[in-house]
């Protein structure tokens, strides 16, 4: 399939209700409002196609950008490619659920994530922390440096409350993911989450919310979900 054919199929799958949901989360025109599950039949026909994925991502259409992540061949992408993708990610559903997910299937994932976390840019930082969550939730514990992750837990404890908005969400999720998916540091992640306490977000809105990693970790422990690993990162 070529770009025009895929865009036509995506447009036909668009729903106004889904479009409104995406826009309420930060998406803007152009987009069609395609449910992610509705894309699977097209993805099965195409499988992986990196040149087509690049064309789709470059449209700036949210649905096309998401589908680009579905059919991308991460192993064919360089650090420069991922930098280009993250630069075009204008809200968290792209940075954390398209770019970070695709990056998590590469051998350069940790190196690129480390660079983004140190960047000072909210969406890059969020993508970096999110990528570690995808990695920890899918790869063997032996693939990670325990000392490095311990330092990252300490970094979260020291900086999360002053971090940018989306980065707070991803750091909070990192605490949860280490506790539930990386056995060697389960206890330290629990202690760090308790030390961090509630993390306030949406301060600029009429009613702020609080993220509670400690409570969510406890629920996971009670359900016996520690040590959880998913088989695939992408759908």
Foldseek 3Di string as FASTA:
>chain_A
DALVVVVVVQLVQADPVQVVVVVVQPQDPPERRHDPVVCVVVCVVQAADAVRLVVQLVVLYVVSVQVSQSRHDLAVDDLVNLVVQLVSDPGQCSLQVRSLLSLLVYPCLQVSLVCQCPVLDQSSVLSSLSNVLLNLQADDLVVDDPVVLLVLLVVCLVPLQPHDASNVVSSLSSLLSCLARRPVCVVVSLVSLVSSAWHWHPPVDPDIDTRRSNVVSVVCVVVVRHNHHDNGSHD
